[in-house]
Amino acid sequence: MKKLIVAAFLVVGFTTFAQVEKKENAKKETMEKMSPAERSQMALKRMTKNLSLNEAQQKQVSALFSEEEAKRGDGQTKPTKEDRKIMKDKISKILTPEQNAKWEKIQAERKEKMKERREEKGEKSEDK
């Protein structure tokens, strides 16, 4: 009887874990299926929401994103560290000092989350 209950808990645990992994992968796949223009628009909306960009700033940032998109062409080429630094400098010039401080904070938080995810994936791959 105890073995049956333990087995049932294991089955429920495994199916729950599999569903969580599928949700994470679904979000990633959705982003990958987006065109470069759609990703640019999503990034612009996120920046507008988080930083309260005015219309002039939105147009300038949109132009920057379009320029980057044209430079990369097919969207498959990833930007280099130098490209990212140049883009960051250009965006910094568009933002006000308050927005810039908030943007830097958001960037730092995103970087930290990415680092945590990489560490989690490293742990998962080591477990297998």
Protein backbone atom coordinates (compact mmCIF):
# COMPACT_ATOMS: atom_id res chain seq x y z
CA MET A 1 0.00 0.00 0.00
CA LYS A 2 2.79 2.40 0.92
CA LYS A 3 4.57 1.64 -2.33
CA LEU A 4 1.42 2.43 -4.29
CA ILE A 5 1.04 5.82 -2.57
CA VAL A 6 4.72 6.68 -3.13
CA ALA A 7 4.42 5.68 -6.80
CA ALA A 8 1.32 7.88 -7.18
CA PHE A 9 3.14 10.87 -5.69
CA LEU A 10 6.08 10.32 -8.02
CA VAL A 11 3.82 10.21 -11.08
CA VAL A 12 2.05 13.41 -10.04
CA GLY A 13 5.39 15.09 -9.31
CA PHE A 14 6.89 14.18 -12.68
CA THR A 15 3.87 15.34 -14.67
CA THR A 16 3.78 18.65 -12.82
CA PHE A 17 7.49 19.20 -13.45
CA ALA A 18 7.06 18.40 -17.17
CA GLN A 19 4.22 20.92 -17.49
CA VAL A 20 6.29 23.70 -15.91
CA GLU A 21 9.14 23.04 -18.33
CA LYS A 22 6.74 23.13 -21.30
CA LYS A 23 5.43 26.56 -20.25
CA GLU A 24 8.95 27.98 -20.06
CA ASN A 25 9.83 26.55 -23.48
CA ALA A 26 6.58 27.83 -25.01
CA LYS A 27 7.44 31.43 -24.11
CA LYS A 28 10.91 31.05 -25.59
CA GLU A 29 9.51 29.52 -28.81
CA THR A 30 7.02 32.37 -29.16
CA MET A 31 9.85 34.92 -29.02
CA GLU A 32 11.88 32.94 -31.55
CA LYS A 33 8.96 32.83 -34.00
CA MET A 34 8.58 36.61 -33.94
CA SER A 35 10.02 38.63 -36.77
CA PRO A 36 12.75 41.14 -35.94
CA ALA A 37 10.24 43.97 -36.47
CA GLU A 38 7.81 42.40 -33.98
CA ARG A 39 10.58 41.97 -31.41
CA SER A 40 11.57 45.61 -31.90
CA GLN A 41 7.98 46.74 -31.35
CA MET A 42 7.71 44.60 -28.22
CA ALA A 43 10.96 46.08 -26.85
CA LEU A 44 9.73 49.60 -27.62
CA LYS A 45 6.41 48.96 -25.84
CA ARG A 46 8.27 47.55 -22.83
CA MET A 47 10.60 50.57 -22.69
CA THR A 48 7.67 52.97 -23.09
CA LYS A 49 5.81 51.27 -20.26
CA ASN A 50 8.77 50.95 -17.89
CA LEU A 51 10.43 54.30 -18.57
CA SER A 52 7.43 56.48 -19.51
CA LEU A 53 8.92 57.53 -22.84
CA ASN A 54 7.34 60.55 -24.52
CA GLU A 55 6.40 60.45 -28.23
CA ALA A 56 9.64 62.07 -29.43
CA GLN A 57 11.69 59.53 -27.47
CA GLN A 58 9.56 56.69 -28.82
CA LYS A 59 10.22 57.82 -32.39
CA GLN A 60 13.96 58.10 -31.75
CA VAL A 61 14.17 54.67 -30.12
CA SER A 62 12.04 53.15 -32.86
CA ALA A 63 14.39 54.63 -35.48
CA LEU A 64 17.37 53.13 -33.61
CA PHE A 65 15.73 49.71 -33.52
CA SER A 66 14.89 49.93 -37.24
CA GLU A 67 18.48 50.91 -38.00
CA GLU A 68 19.79 47.93 -36.03
CA GLU A 69 17.29 45.64 -37.70
CA ALA A 70 18.42 46.80 -41.17
CA LYS A 71 22.06 46.36 -40.19
CA ARG A 72 21.52 42.76 -39.12
CA GLY A 73 19.29 41.95 -42.09
CA ASP A 74 17.77 38.51 -41.59
CA GLY A 75 17.64 38.80 -37.80
CA GLN A 76 19.73 35.67 -37.36
CA THR A 77 22.99 37.54 -36.79
CA LYS A 78 23.53 38.33 -33.13
CA PRO A 79 24.99 41.70 -32.16
CA THR A 80 28.54 41.79 -30.85
CA LYS A 81 29.49 43.28 -27.49
CA GLU A 82 30.68 46.39 -29.31
CA ASP A 83 27.32 46.70 -31.13
CA ARG A 84 25.45 46.38 -27.82
CA LYS A 85 27.64 49.04 -26.21
CA ILE A 86 27.07 51.44 -29.11
CA MET A 87 23.31 50.84 -28.96
CA LYS A 88 23.32 51.35 -25.18
CA ASP A 89 25.19 54.66 -25.59
CA LYS A 90 22.73 55.86 -28.24
CA ILE A 91 19.73 54.97 -26.07
CA SER A 92 21.35 56.68 -23.06
CA LYS A 93 21.58 59.92 -25.05
CA ILE A 94 17.85 59.80 -25.80
CA LEU A 95 16.73 59.18 -22.20
CA THR A 96 16.53 61.74 -19.43
CA PRO A 97 18.83 61.24 -16.40
CA GLU A 98 15.94 59.79 -14.34
CA GLN A 99 14.93 57.41 -17.12
CA ASN A 100 18.56 56.47 -17.62
CA ALA A 101 18.97 55.54 -13.96
CA LYS A 102 15.80 53.46 -14.06
CA TRP A 103 16.89 51.79 -17.32
CA GLU A 104 20.29 50.91 -15.84
CA LYS A 105 18.54 49.36 -12.84
CA ILE A 106 16.24 47.30 -15.10
CA GLN A 107 19.22 46.16 -17.18
CA ALA A 108 21.07 45.06 -14.05
CA GLU A 109 18.03 43.12 -12.83
CA ARG A 110 17.64 41.39 -16.21
CA LYS A 111 21.33 40.50 -16.22
CA GLU A 112 21.01 39.00 -12.75
CA LYS A 113 17.96 36.94 -13.79
CA MET A 114 19.83 35.64 -16.83
CA LYS A 115 22.77 34.68 -14.64
CA GLU A 116 20.46 32.79 -12.27
CA ARG A 117 18.80 30.97 -15.17
CA ARG A 118 22.17 29.94 -16.59
CA GLU A 119 23.18 28.61 -13.19
CA GLU A 120 19.90 26.69 -12.91
CA LYS A 121 20.35 25.19 -16.37
CA GLY A 122 23.90 24.26 -15.48
CA GLU A 123 22.66 22.45 -12.40
CA LYS A 124 19.94 20.68 -14.41
CA SER A 125 22.37 19.48 -17.07
CA GLU A 126 24.78 18.24 -14.38
CA ASP A 127 21.94 16.25 -12.75
CA LYS A 128 21.16 14.40 -15.96
